[in-house]
C-alpha atoms as a PDB file:
ATOM      1  CA  UNK A   1     146.971  50.747  13.793  1.00  0.00           C
ATOM      2  CA  UNK A   2     144.513  48.399  15.338  1.00  0.00           C
ATOM      3  CA  UNK A   3     144.333  46.362  12.227  1.00  0.00           C
ATOM      4  CA  UNK A   4     148.079  46.202  12.067  1.00  0.00           C
ATOM      5  CA  UNK A   5     148.187  44.981  15.633  1.00  0.00           C
ATOM      6  CA  UNK A   6     145.527  42.426  14.817  1.00  0.00           C
ATOM      7  CA  UNK A   7     147.507  41.094  11.878  1.00  0.00           C
ATOM      8  CA  UNK A   8     150.707  40.938  13.940  1.00  0.00           C
ATOM      9  CA  UNK A   9     148.856  39.036  16.627  1.00  0.00           C
ATOM     10  CA  UNK A  10     147.335  36.639  14.076  1.00  0.00           C
ATOM     11  CA  UNK A  11     150.726  36.125  12.459  1.00  0.00           C
ATOM     12  CA  UNK A  12     152.304  35.482  15.849  1.00  0.00           C
ATOM     13  CA  UNK A  13     149.554  32.990  16.735  1.00  0.00           C
ATOM     14  CA  UNK A  14     149.991  31.227  13.366  1.00  0.00           C
ATOM     15  CA  UNK A  15     153.781  31.191  13.784  1.00  0.00           C
ATOM     16  CA  UNK A  16     153.456  29.785  17.307  1.00  0.00           C
ATOM     17  CA  UNK A  17     150.995  27.157  16.024  1.00  0.00           C
ATOM     18  CA  UNK A  18     153.391  26.145  13.216  1.00  0.00           C
ATOM     19  CA  UNK A  19     156.320  25.987  15.629  1.00  0.00           C
ATOM     20  CA  UNK A  20     154.198  24.005  18.047  1.00  0.00           C
ATOM     21  CA  UNK A  21     153.128  21.595  15.293  1.00  0.00           C
ATOM     22  CA  UNK A  22     156.642  21.194  13.872  1.00  0.00           C
ATOM     23  CA  UNK A  23     158.677  21.203  17.086  1.00  0.00           C
ATOM     24  CA  UNK A  24     156.329  19.405  19.485  1.00  0.00           C
ATOM     25  CA  UNK A  25     157.590  15.895  18.698  1.00  0.00           C
ATOM     26  CA  UNK A  26     161.340  16.701  18.548  1.00  0.00           C
ATOM     27  CA  UNK A  27     161.269  18.807  21.734  1.00  0.00           C
ATOM     28  CA  UNK A  28     159.140  16.194  23.471  1.00  0.00           C
ATOM     29  CA  UNK A  29     161.568  13.456  22.350  1.00  0.00           C
ATOM     30  CA  UNK A  30     164.547  15.556  23.413  1.00  0.00           C
ATOM     31  CA  UNK A  31     163.082  16.202  26.846  1.00  0.00           C
ATOM     32  CA  UNK A  32     162.007  12.556  27.219  1.00  0.00           C
ATOM     33  CA  UNK A  33     165.474  11.378  26.154  1.00  0.00           C
ATOM     34  CA  UNK A  34     167.117  13.829  28.539  1.00  0.00           C
ATOM     35  CA  UNK A  35     164.937  12.719  31.438  1.00  0.00           C
ATOM     36  CA  UNK A  36     165.484   9.036  30.532  1.00  0.00           C
ATOM     37  CA  UNK A  37     169.235   9.622  30.252  1.00  0.00           C
ATOM     38  CA  UNK A  38     169.356  11.270  33.676  1.00  0.00           C
ATOM     39  CA  UNK A  39     167.174   8.489  35.145  1.00  0.00           C
ATOM     40  CA  UNK A  40     169.400   5.807  33.556  1.00  0.00           C
ATOM     41  CA  UNK A  41     172.546   7.483  34.865  1.00  0.00           C
ATOM     42  CA  UNK A  42     170.993   7.752  38.307  1.00  0.00           C
ATOM     43  CA  UNK A  43     170.003   4.045  38.266  1.00  0.00           C
ATOM     44  CA  UNK A  44     173.494   3.104  37.015  1.00  0.00           C
ATOM     45  CA  UNK A  45     175.065   5.131  39.792  1.00  0.00           C
ATOM     46  CA  UNK A  46     172.789   3.435  42.321  1.00  0.00           C
ATOM     47  CA  UNK A  47     173.783  -0.030  40.993  1.00  0.00           C
ATOM     48  CA  UNK A  48     177.466   0.880  41.075  1.00  0.00           C
ATOM     49  CA  UNK A  49     177.059   2.177  44.629  1.00  0.00           C
ATOM     50  CA  UNK A  50     175.346  -1.065  45.699  1.00  0.00           C
ATOM     51  CA  UNK A  51     178.032  -3.136  43.964  1.00  0.00           C
ATOM     52  CA  UNK A  52     180.746  -1.075  45.644  1.00  0.00           C
ATOM     53  CA  UNK A  53     179.099  -1.538  49.042  1.00  0.00           C
ATOM     54  CA  UNK A  54     178.823  -5.278  48.408  1.00  0.00           C
ATOM     55  CA  UNK A  55     182.498  -5.428  47.392  1.00  0.00           C
ATOM     56  CA  UNK A  56     183.399  -3.425  50.495  1.00  0.00           C
ATOM     57  CA  UNK A  57     181.496  -5.851  52.722  1.00  0.00           C
ATOM     58  CA  UNK A  58     183.174  -8.792  50.999  1.00  0.00           C
ATOM     59  CA  UNK A  59     186.614  -7.191  51.356  1.00  0.00           C
ATOM     60  CA  UNK A  60     185.983  -6.510  55.059  1.00  0.00           C
ATOM     61  CA  UNK A  61     184.869 -10.115  55.525  1.00  0.00           C
ATOM     62  CA  UNK A  62     187.993 -11.412  53.752  1.00  0.00           C
ATOM     63  CA  UNK A  63     190.200  -9.077  55.805  1.00  0.00           C
ATOM     64  CA  UNK A  64     188.598 -10.347  59.015  1.00  0.00           C
ATOM     65  CA  UNK A  65     189.088 -13.977  57.887  1.00  0.00           C
ATOM     66  CA  UNK A  66     192.707 -13.250  56.934  1.00  0.00           C
ATOM     67  CA  UNK A  67     193.327 -11.638  60.315  1.00  0.00           C
ATOM     68  CA  UNK A  68     191.813 -14.654  62.099  1.00  0.00           C
ATOM     69  CA  UNK A  69     193.884 -17.023  59.964  1.00  0.00           C
ATOM     70  CA  UNK A  70     197.034 -15.036  60.733  1.00  0.00           C
ATOM     71  CA  UNK A  71     196.249 -15.194  64.457  1.00  0.00           C
ATOM     72  CA  UNK A  72     195.701 -18.953  64.174  1.00  0.00           C
ATOM     73  CA  UNK A  73     199.006 -19.368  62.343  1.00  0.00           C
ATOM     74  CA  UNK A  74     200.847 -17.320  64.982  1.00  0.00           C
ATOM     75  CA  UNK A  75     199.210 -19.315  67.785  1.00  0.00           C
ATOM     76  CA  UNK A  76     200.115 -22.611  66.113  1.00  0.00           C
ATOM     77  CA  UNK A  77     203.694 -21.432  65.538  1.00  0.00           C
ATOM     78  CA  UNK A  78     203.996 -20.435  69.210  1.00  0.00           C
ATOM     79  CA  UNK A  79     202.688 -23.851  70.294  1.00  0.00           C
ATOM     80  CA  UNK A  80     205.136 -25.642  67.969  1.00  0.00           C
ATOM     81  CA  UNK A  81     208.002 -23.454  69.223  1.00  0.00           C
ATOM     82  CA  UNK A  82     207.068 -24.207  72.842  1.00  0.00           C
ATOM     83  CA  UNK A  83     206.972 -27.955  72.161  1.00  0.00           C
ATOM     84  CA  UNK A  84     210.337 -27.785  70.389  1.00  0.00           C
ATOM     85  CA  UNK A  85     211.798 -25.778  73.259  1.00  0.00           C
ATOM     86  CA  UNK A  86     210.565 -28.360  75.771  1.00  0.00           C
ATOM     87  CA  UNK A  87     211.921 -31.195  73.606  1.00  0.00           C
ATOM     88  CA  UNK A  88     215.328 -29.501  73.317  1.00  0.00           C
ATOM     89  CA  UNK A  89     215.470 -28.934  77.090  1.00  0.00           C
ATOM     90  CA  UNK A  90     214.493 -32.560  77.718  1.00  0.00           C
ATOM     91  CA  UNK A  91     217.162 -33.835  75.314  1.00  0.00           C
ATOM     92  CA  UNK A  92     219.781 -31.539  76.880  1.00  0.00           C
ATOM     93  CA  UNK A  93     218.898 -32.833  80.345  1.00  0.00           C
ATOM     94  CA  UNK A  94     219.146 -36.431  79.113  1.00  0.00           C
ATOM     95  CA  UNK A  95     222.546 -35.719  77.558  1.00  0.00           C
ATOM     96  CA  UNK A  96     223.727 -34.008  80.765  1.00  0.00           C
ATOM     97  CA  UNK A  97     222.530 -36.964  82.860  1.00  0.00           C
ATOM     98  CA  UNK A  98     224.258 -39.395  80.512  1.00  0.00           C
ATOM     99  CA  UNK A  99     227.490 -37.385  80.714  1.00  0.00           C
ATOM    100  CA  UNK A 100     227.272 -37.320  84.528  1.00  0.00           C
ATOM    101  CA  UNK A 101     226.680 -41.074  84.636  1.00  0.00           C
ATOM    102  CA  UNK A 102     229.631 -41.700  82.306  1.00  0.00           C
ATOM    103  CA  UNK A 103     231.808 -39.381  84.415  1.00  0.00           C
ATOM    104  CA  UNK A 104     230.743 -41.192  87.610  1.00  0.00           C
ATOM    105  CA  UNK A 105     231.574 -44.542  86.000  1.00  0.00           C
ATOM    106  CA  UNK A 106     234.959 -43.245  84.838  1.00  0.00           C
ATOM    107  CA  UNK A 107     235.664 -41.912  88.326  1.00  0.00           C
ATOM    108  CA  UNK A 108     234.713 -45.281  89.846  1.00  0.00           C
ATOM    109  CA  UNK A 109     236.991 -47.105  87.390  1.00  0.00           C
ATOM    110  CA  UNK A 110     239.853 -44.737  88.177  1.00  0.00           C
ATOM    111  CA  UNK A 111     239.286 -45.146  91.946  1.00  0.00           C
ATOM    112  CA  UNK A 112     239.314 -48.942  91.600  1.00  0.00           C
ATOM    113  CA  UNK A 113     242.397 -48.776  89.402  1.00  0.00           C
ATOM    114  CA  UNK A 114     244.150 -46.442  91.878  1.00  0.00           C
ATOM    115  CA  UNK A 115     243.277 -48.769  94.796  1.00  0.00           C
ATOM    116  CA  UNK A 116     244.667 -51.754  92.949  1.00  0.00           C
ATOM    117  CA  UNK A 117     247.843 -49.860  92.072  1.00  0.00           C
ATOM    118  CA  UNK A 118     248.127 -48.639  95.656  1.00  0.00           C
ATOM    119  CA  UNK A 119     247.633 -52.177  96.969  1.00  0.00           C
ATOM    120  CA  UNK A 120     250.228 -53.471  94.546  1.00  0.00           C
ATOM    121  CA  UNK A 121     252.632 -50.697  95.487  1.00  0.00           C
ATOM    122  CA  UNK A 122     252.050 -51.235  99.212  1.00  0.00           C
ATOM    123  CA  UNK A 123     252.582 -54.970  98.845  1.00  0.00           C
ATOM    124  CA  UNK A 124     255.799 -54.439  96.895  1.00  0.00           C
ATOM    125  CA  UNK A 125     257.090 -51.942  99.435  1.00  0.00           C
ATOM    126  CA  UNK A 126     256.152 -54.232 102.296  1.00  0.00           C
ATOM    127  CA  UNK A 127     258.041 -57.025 100.627  1.00  0.00           C
ATOM    128  CA  UNK A 128     261.058 -54.788  99.986  1.00  0.00           C
ATOM    129  CA  UNK A 129     261.086 -53.557 103.584  1.00  0.00           C
ATOM    130  CA  UNK A 130     260.695 -57.014 104.902  1.00  0.00           C
ATOM    131  CA  UNK A 131     263.515 -58.247 102.702  1.00  0.00           C
ATOM    132  CA  UNK A 132     265.790 -55.441 103.846  1.00  0.00           C
ATOM    133  CA  UNK A 133     265.028 -56.075 107.525  1.00  0.00           C
ATOM    134  CA  UNK A 134     265.438 -59.746 107.156  1.00  0.00           C
ATOM    135  CA  UNK A 135     268.547 -59.790 105.041  1.00  0.00           C
ATOM    136  CA  UNK A 136     270.467 -61.112 107.929  1.00  0.00           C
ATOM    137  CA  UNK A 137     267.653 -63.106 109.489  1.00  0.00           C
ATOM    138  CA  UNK A 138     266.373 -65.530 106.900  1.00  0.00           C
ATOM    139  CA  UNK A 139     264.179 -67.605 109.028  1.00  0.00           C
ATOM    140  CA  UNK A 140     261.175 -68.955 107.111  1.00  0.00           C
ATOM    141  CA  UNK A 141     258.837 -68.774 110.030  1.00  0.00           C
ATOM    142  CA  UNK A 142     259.909 -65.237 110.745  1.00  0.00           C
ATOM    143  CA  UNK A 143     259.258 -64.307 107.091  1.00  0.00           C
ATOM    144  CA  UNK A 144     255.727 -65.710 107.277  1.00  0.00           C
ATOM    145  CA  UNK A 145     255.096 -63.820 110.471  1.00  0.00           C
ATOM    146  CA  UNK A 146     256.260 -60.483 108.982  1.00  0.00           C
ATOM    147  CA  UNK A 147     254.265 -61.007 105.769  1.00  0.00           C
ATOM    148  CA  UNK A 148     251.146 -61.797 107.823  1.00  0.00           C
ATOM    149  CA  UNK A 149     251.652 -58.726 109.967  1.00  0.00           C
ATOM    150  CA  UNK A 150     252.221 -56.504 106.917  1.00  0.00           C
ATOM    151  CA  UNK A 151     249.160 -57.888 105.141  1.00  0.00           C
ATOM    152  CA  UNK A 152     246.992 -57.456 108.220  1.00  0.00           C
ATOM    153  CA  UNK A 153     248.171 -53.843 108.579  1.00  0.00           C
ATOM    154  CA  UNK A 154     247.388 -53.232 104.912  1.00  0.00           C
ATOM    155  CA  UNK A 155     243.949 -54.785 105.364  1.00  0.00           C
ATOM    156  CA  UNK A 156     243.315 -52.612 108.440  1.00  0.00           C
ATOM    157  CA  UNK A 157     244.206 -49.476 106.507  1.00  0.00           C
ATOM    158  CA  UNK A 158     241.654 -50.431 103.855  1.00  0.00           C
ATOM    159  CA  UNK A 159     244.098 -50.824 101.028  1.00  0.00           C
ATOM    160  CA  UNK A 160     243.113 -54.438 100.339  1.00  0.00           C
END
């Protein structure tokens, strides 16, 4: 039984030696390839992470620039709107002043026209009244005196 155990042990040692000799290179290559593959994947993941962080920083920078540009655009638009508002108000005031001036001129013209018509009407009525009063008294000197008196009364009243 001891010899059988010895032969089984020798056979096992020989079998292990053959397996070691035959499988050493392939197992070593497989383990090396596996380790290299894991290392390469890890390095690739690290690069992708760094690239993603860089892209994130760039996107944040662009977002900040876009926000600043939008604020600048809004500020500029508000300034332009304010200037336009002021210009519109100024133009409206100028138009209102021009309309007032034209209305004042029209009123003045109408007042002058009314005075002239009133003076003409008063003179005609004075002449008519004088003619009616003097129908019987046609003295030239008396006529002159009445016309003078009428004209002086008209002048005193501010019609002339």
